[in-house]
PDB file of N, CA and C in Angstrom:
ATOM      1  N   MET A   1     -23.943 -15.895  28.154  1.00  0.00           N
ATOM      2  CA  MET A   1     -23.238 -16.005  27.234  1.00  0.00           C
ATOM      3  C   MET A   1     -22.456 -14.637  27.422  1.00  0.00           C
ATOM      4  N   LYS A   2     -21.139 -14.459  27.616  1.00  0.00           N
ATOM      5  CA  LYS A   2     -19.984 -13.024  27.982  1.00  0.00           C
ATOM      6  C   LYS A   2     -20.327 -11.914  26.615  1.00  0.00           C
ATOM      7  N   GLU A   3     -20.322 -10.748  27.005  1.00  0.00           N
ATOM      8  CA  GLU A   3     -19.852  -9.594  26.069  1.00  0.00           C
ATOM      9  C   GLU A   3     -18.626  -9.466  25.917  1.00  0.00           C
ATOM     10  N   PHE A   4     -17.794  -9.224  25.066  1.00  0.00           N
ATOM     11  CA  PHE A   4     -16.324  -8.903  24.920  1.00  0.00           C
ATOM     12  C   PHE A   4     -16.204  -8.007  23.752  1.00  0.00           C
ATOM     13  N   GLU A   5     -15.326  -7.016  24.165  1.00  0.00           N
ATOM     14  CA  GLU A   5     -14.992  -6.153  23.215  1.00  0.00           C
ATOM     15  C   GLU A   5     -13.479  -6.262  22.241  1.00  0.00           C
ATOM     16  N   VAL A   6     -13.461  -6.233  21.295  1.00  0.00           N
ATOM     17  CA  VAL A   6     -12.559  -6.870  20.859  1.00  0.00           C
ATOM     18  C   VAL A   6     -12.006  -5.744  19.763  1.00  0.00           C
ATOM     19  N   GLU A   7     -10.380  -5.603  20.066  1.00  0.00           N
ATOM     20  CA  GLU A   7     -10.224  -4.135  19.209  1.00  0.00           C
ATOM     21  C   GLU A   7      -9.071  -4.635  18.344  1.00  0.00           C
ATOM     22  N   ILE A   8      -9.631  -4.041  17.169  1.00  0.00           N
ATOM     23  CA  ILE A   8      -8.734  -4.204  15.487  1.00  0.00           C
ATOM     24  C   ILE A   8      -8.099  -3.475  15.129  1.00  0.00           C
ATOM     25  N   THR A   9      -6.780  -3.340  15.131  1.00  0.00           N
ATOM     26  CA  THR A   9      -5.936  -2.632  14.546  1.00  0.00           C
ATOM     27  C   THR A   9      -5.265  -2.971  13.114  1.00  0.00           C
ATOM     28  N   GLU A  10      -5.338  -2.017  12.171  1.00  0.00           N
ATOM     29  CA  GLU A  10      -4.907  -1.919  10.997  1.00  0.00           C
ATOM     30  C   GLU A  10      -3.391  -1.490  10.610  1.00  0.00           C
ATOM     31  N   ILE A  11      -2.450  -1.819  10.171  1.00  0.00           N
ATOM     32  CA  ILE A  11      -0.608  -1.392  10.041  1.00  0.00           C
ATOM     33  C   ILE A  11      -1.107  -0.944   8.572  1.00  0.00           C
ATOM     34  N   LEU A  12      -0.885  -0.109   8.776  1.00  0.00           N
ATOM     35  CA  LEU A  12      -0.558   0.208   6.301  1.00  0.00           C
ATOM     36  C   LEU A  12       0.610   0.960   6.281  1.00  0.00           C
ATOM     37  N   GLN A  13       1.437   0.672   5.551  1.00  0.00           N
ATOM     38  CA  GLN A  13       3.043   0.914   5.015  1.00  0.00           C
ATOM     39  C   GLN A  13       3.259   1.321   3.736  1.00  0.00           C
ATOM     40  N   ILE A  14       4.022   2.841   3.749  1.00  0.00           N
ATOM     41  CA  ILE A  14       4.359   2.511   2.499  1.00  0.00           C
ATOM     42  C   ILE A  14       5.842   3.317   2.300  1.00  0.00           C
ATOM     43  N   THR A  15       6.732   3.152   1.426  1.00  0.00           N
ATOM     44  CA  THR A  15       8.217   3.218   1.376  1.00  0.00           C
ATOM     45  C   THR A  15       8.050   4.914   0.682  1.00  0.00           C
ATOM     46  N   VAL A  16       8.334   6.410   1.203  1.00  0.00           N
ATOM     47  CA  VAL A  16       8.772   6.981   0.126  1.00  0.00           C
ATOM     48  C   VAL A  16      10.403   7.435  -0.089  1.00  0.00           C
ATOM     49  N   GLN A  17      11.057   7.673  -0.791  1.00  0.00           N
ATOM     50  CA  GLN A  17      12.056   8.262  -1.481  1.00  0.00           C
ATOM     51  C   GLN A  17      12.480   9.436  -1.203  1.00  0.00           C
ATOM     52  N   VAL A  18      13.162  10.422  -0.519  1.00  0.00           N
ATOM     53  CA  VAL A  18      13.333  11.980  -0.460  1.00  0.00           C
ATOM     54  C   VAL A  18      14.852  11.880  -0.273  1.00  0.00           C
ATOM     55  N   LYS A  19      15.064  13.430  -0.679  1.00  0.00           N
ATOM     56  CA  LYS A  19      16.516  14.107  -0.794  1.00  0.00           C
ATOM     57  C   LYS A  19      16.310  14.927   0.464  1.00  0.00           C
ATOM     58  N   ALA A  20      17.574  14.522   1.260  1.00  0.00           N
ATOM     59  CA  ALA A  20      18.017  15.539   2.318  1.00  0.00           C
ATOM     60  C   ALA A  20      18.650  15.664   2.907  1.00  0.00           C
ATOM     61  N   GLU A  21      19.624  16.075   3.925  1.00  0.00           N
ATOM     62  CA  GLU A  21      20.552  16.376   4.485  1.00  0.00           C
ATOM     63  C   GLU A  21      20.894  15.573   5.501  1.00  0.00           C
ATOM     64  N   SER A  22      19.903  14.866   6.328  1.00  0.00           N
ATOM     65  CA  SER A  22      20.214  13.652   7.025  1.00  0.00           C
ATOM     66  C   SER A  22      18.617  13.342   7.299  1.00  0.00           C
ATOM     67  N   GLY A  23      18.897  11.810   7.956  1.00  0.00           N
ATOM     68  CA  GLY A  23      17.868  11.332   8.059  1.00  0.00           C
ATOM     69  C   GLY A  23      16.555  11.951   8.942  1.00  0.00           C
ATOM     70  N   GLN A  24      16.980  12.968  10.155  1.00  0.00           N
ATOM     71  CA  GLN A  24      15.485  13.683  10.487  1.00  0.00           C
ATOM     72  C   GLN A  24      15.590  14.451   9.707  1.00  0.00           C
ATOM     73  N   LYS A  25      16.016  15.218   8.827  1.00  0.00           N
ATOM     74  CA  LYS A  25      15.412  16.239   7.607  1.00  0.00           C
ATOM     75  C   LYS A  25      14.718  15.395   6.961  1.00  0.00           C
ATOM     76  N   ALA A  26      14.777  14.112   6.589  1.00  0.00           N
ATOM     77  CA  ALA A  26      14.024  13.453   5.448  1.00  0.00           C
ATOM     78  C   ALA A  26      12.569  12.872   6.540  1.00  0.00           C
ATOM     79  N   VAL A  27      13.176  12.444   7.177  1.00  0.00           N
ATOM     80  CA  VAL A  27      11.932  12.301   8.095  1.00  0.00           C
ATOM     81  C   VAL A  27      10.720  13.836   8.277  1.00  0.00           C
ATOM     82  N   GLU A  28      11.195  14.741   8.506  1.00  0.00           N
ATOM     83  CA  GLU A  28      10.355  15.977   9.000  1.00  0.00           C
ATOM     84  C   GLU A  28      10.205  16.103   7.316  1.00  0.00           C
ATOM     85  N   ALA A  29      10.750  16.139   6.444  1.00  0.00           N
ATOM     86  CA  ALA A  29      10.016  16.437   4.784  1.00  0.00           C
ATOM     87  C   ALA A  29       9.147  15.739   4.908  1.00  0.00           C
ATOM     88  N   VAL A  30       9.119  14.060   4.712  1.00  0.00           N
ATOM     89  CA  VAL A  30       7.881  13.346   5.142  1.00  0.00           C
ATOM     90  C   VAL A  30       6.771  13.240   5.455  1.00  0.00           C
ATOM     91  N   ARG A  31       6.884  14.091   7.022  1.00  0.00           N
ATOM     92  CA  ARG A  31       5.987  14.194   7.751  1.00  0.00           C
ATOM     93  C   ARG A  31       5.111  15.503   7.134  1.00  0.00           C
ATOM     94  N   ALA A  32       5.697  16.467   7.000  1.00  0.00           N
ATOM     95  CA  ALA A  32       4.783  17.623   6.436  1.00  0.00           C
ATOM     96  C   ALA A  32       4.466  17.362   5.044  1.00  0.00           C
ATOM     97  N   GLY A  33       5.353  16.261   4.442  1.00  0.00           N
ATOM     98  CA  GLY A  33       4.200  15.988   3.013  1.00  0.00           C
ATOM     99  C   GLY A  33       2.989  15.448   3.294  1.00  0.00           C
ATOM    100  N   TYR A  34       3.474  14.313   4.283  1.00  0.00           N
ATOM    101  CA  TYR A  34       1.961  13.273   4.521  1.00  0.00           C
ATOM    102  C   TYR A  34       1.066  14.382   5.209  1.00  0.00           C
ATOM    103  N   LYS A  35       1.146  15.315   6.322  1.00  0.00           N
ATOM    104  CA  LYS A  35       0.344  16.334   6.861  1.00  0.00           C
ATOM    105  C   LYS A  35      -1.165  17.030   5.778  1.00  0.00           C
ATOM    106  N   MET A  36      -0.033  17.710   4.526  1.00  0.00           N
ATOM    107  CA  MET A  36      -0.620  18.248   3.605  1.00  0.00           C
ATOM    108  C   MET A  36      -1.090  17.334   2.569  1.00  0.00           C
ATOM    109  N   GLY A  37      -1.410  16.108   2.425  1.00  0.00           N
ATOM    110  CA  GLY A  37      -1.918  14.611   1.451  1.00  0.00           C
ATOM    111  C   GLY A  37      -0.704  14.537   0.816  1.00  0.00           C
ATOM    112  N   GLN A  38       0.280  14.887   0.800  1.00  0.00           N
ATOM    113  CA  GLN A  38       0.883  14.426  -0.416  1.00  0.00           C
ATOM    114  C   GLN A  38       1.263  13.091  -0.715  1.00  0.00           C
ATOM    115  N   TYR A  39       0.886  12.057   0.367  1.00  0.00           N
ATOM    116  CA  TYR A  39       1.156  10.434   0.253  1.00  0.00           C
ATOM    117  C   TYR A  39      -0.099  10.216   0.850  1.00  0.00           C
ATOM    118  N   LYS A  40      -0.413   9.284  -0.027  1.00  0.00           N
ATOM    119  CA  LYS A  40      -1.838   8.640   0.354  1.00  0.00           C
ATOM    120  C   LYS A  40      -1.663   6.728   0.418  1.00  0.00           C
ATOM    121  N   ILE A  41      -2.439   6.736   2.035  1.00  0.00           N
ATOM    122  CA  ILE A  41      -2.282   4.962   2.341  1.00  0.00           C
ATOM    123  C   ILE A  41      -3.292   4.426   1.890  1.00  0.00           C
ATOM    124  N   ASP A  42      -3.563   3.638   1.418  1.00  0.00           N
ATOM    125  CA  ASP A  42      -5.063   2.825   1.062  1.00  0.00           C
ATOM    126  C   ASP A  42      -5.063   1.495   1.838  1.00  0.00           C
ATOM    127  N   SER A  43      -6.264   0.745   1.762  1.00  0.00           N
ATOM    128  CA  SER A  43      -5.856  -0.813   2.020  1.00  0.00           C
ATOM    129  C   SER A  43      -5.211  -1.552   1.320  1.00  0.00           C
ATOM    130  N   SER A  44      -4.458  -1.399   0.281  1.00  0.00           N
ATOM    131  CA  SER A  44      -3.571  -1.961  -0.673  1.00  0.00           C
ATOM    132  C   SER A  44      -2.065  -1.909   0.302  1.00  0.00           C
ATOM    133  N   ASP A  45      -2.099  -1.020   0.945  1.00  0.00           N
ATOM    134  CA  ASP A  45      -0.744  -1.123   1.683  1.00  0.00           C
ATOM    135  C   ASP A  45      -1.046  -1.431   3.240  1.00  0.00           C
ATOM    136  N   LEU A  46      -2.114  -2.772   3.313  1.00  0.00           N
ATOM    137  CA  LEU A  46      -1.703  -3.300   4.533  1.00  0.00           C
ATOM    138  C   LEU A  46      -0.587  -4.225   4.767  1.00  0.00           C
ATOM    139  N   VAL A  47      -0.231  -4.027   5.765  1.00  0.00           N
ATOM    140  CA  VAL A  47       0.858  -5.108   6.052  1.00  0.00           C
ATOM    141  C   VAL A  47       0.649  -5.998   7.141  1.00  0.00           C
ATOM    142  N   ALA A  48      -0.188  -5.613   8.074  1.00  0.00           N
ATOM    143  CA  ALA A  48      -0.966  -6.355   9.425  1.00  0.00           C
ATOM    144  C   ALA A  48      -2.230  -6.105  10.088  1.00  0.00           C
ATOM    145  N   THR A  49      -2.602  -6.892  10.297  1.00  0.00           N
ATOM    146  CA  THR A  49      -3.988  -6.959  11.228  1.00  0.00           C
ATOM    147  C   THR A  49      -3.801  -7.395  12.538  1.00  0.00           C
ATOM    148  N   GLU A  50      -4.167  -6.948  13.584  1.00  0.00           N
ATOM    149  CA  GLU A  50      -4.216  -7.618  14.655  1.00  0.00           C
ATOM    150  C   GLU A  50      -5.448  -7.156  15.284  1.00  0.00           C
ATOM    151  N   PHE A  51      -5.696  -8.310  16.805  1.00  0.00           N
ATOM    152  CA  PHE A  51      -6.915  -8.411  17.353  1.00  0.00           C
ATOM    153  C   PHE A  51      -6.538  -8.176  18.371  1.00  0.00           C
ATOM    154  N   ASP A  52      -7.248  -7.942  19.454  1.00  0.00           N
ATOM    155  CA  ASP A  52      -6.768  -8.000  20.922  1.00  0.00           C
ATOM    156  C   ASP A  52      -8.250  -7.872  21.753  1.00  0.00           C
ATOM    157  N   VAL A  53      -8.329  -8.488  22.789  1.00  0.00           N
ATOM    158  CA  VAL A  53      -9.390  -8.753  23.621  1.00  0.00           C
ATOM    159  C   VAL A  53      -9.470  -7.416  24.788  1.00  0.00           C
ATOM    160  N   LYS A  54     -10.126  -6.639  25.004  1.00  0.00           N
ATOM    161  CA  LYS A  54     -10.231  -5.080  25.799  1.00  0.00           C
ATOM    162  C   LYS A  54     -10.097  -5.736  27.385  1.00  0.00           C
ATOM    163  N   PRO A  55      -9.192  -5.258  27.760  1.00  0.00           N
ATOM    164  CA  PRO A  55      -9.807  -5.510  29.171  1.00  0.00           C
ATOM    165  C   PRO A  55     -11.111  -5.097  29.980  1.00  0.00           C
TER     166      PRO A  55
END
């Protein structure tokens, strides 16, 4: 019997609203807030799981 490594990838997603002068500024503001722990993403935000055999 062979042995395989199977990679599991979970994709979590939330949507936040932010006021900004442009889309780019909005992304920058949310990215900064995320790095500071302002937004928490957990298992209840799961939108997809992928399974792949590693070569």
